Amino acid sequence: MPIPENKILENLLNYSAIKQKVISQNLANSETVGYKRRDVAFKEMLQQGMKTLSNVHLKDEDFEITLDENTENLSGINNVDVNKEMAELAQNSIMFKFGSKKINSYYQTLQKVIRGGS
């Protein structure tokens, strides 16, 4: 695996960590009057091109956290739908596990090569 793929996976893990924080905030404030749901705008960055992501190390501040301006009161209190947040939490968890397994696999292979293939 060339190093640029590792950068993509590293950026994916950074995104998953930020997404986890945002989902946790949404769930914690699901019963807060006037709270507006937040999301991380990564899909737009992904759509801009994987080539850009492979050459750049993204930091926490590179991910844009947006307010969901939907005024529909899904929970009766605010626009946080707990079921939707839990589904996104599960999806994010799977994505994080995928990224960490791929990086772990890369470094295990690298370690075997350094040891002489044993």
Foldseek 3Di string as FASTA:
>chain_A
DDQLVLLLLQQLLQQLVLQLVLLVVLVVCVQPAPDFRKGWPCVVVVVVDSVVSSVDRDHNVNIDIDTDPPQDSPPVRGVRDNVVSVVVNVVSVVSNVVSVVVVVVVVVVVVCVVVPND
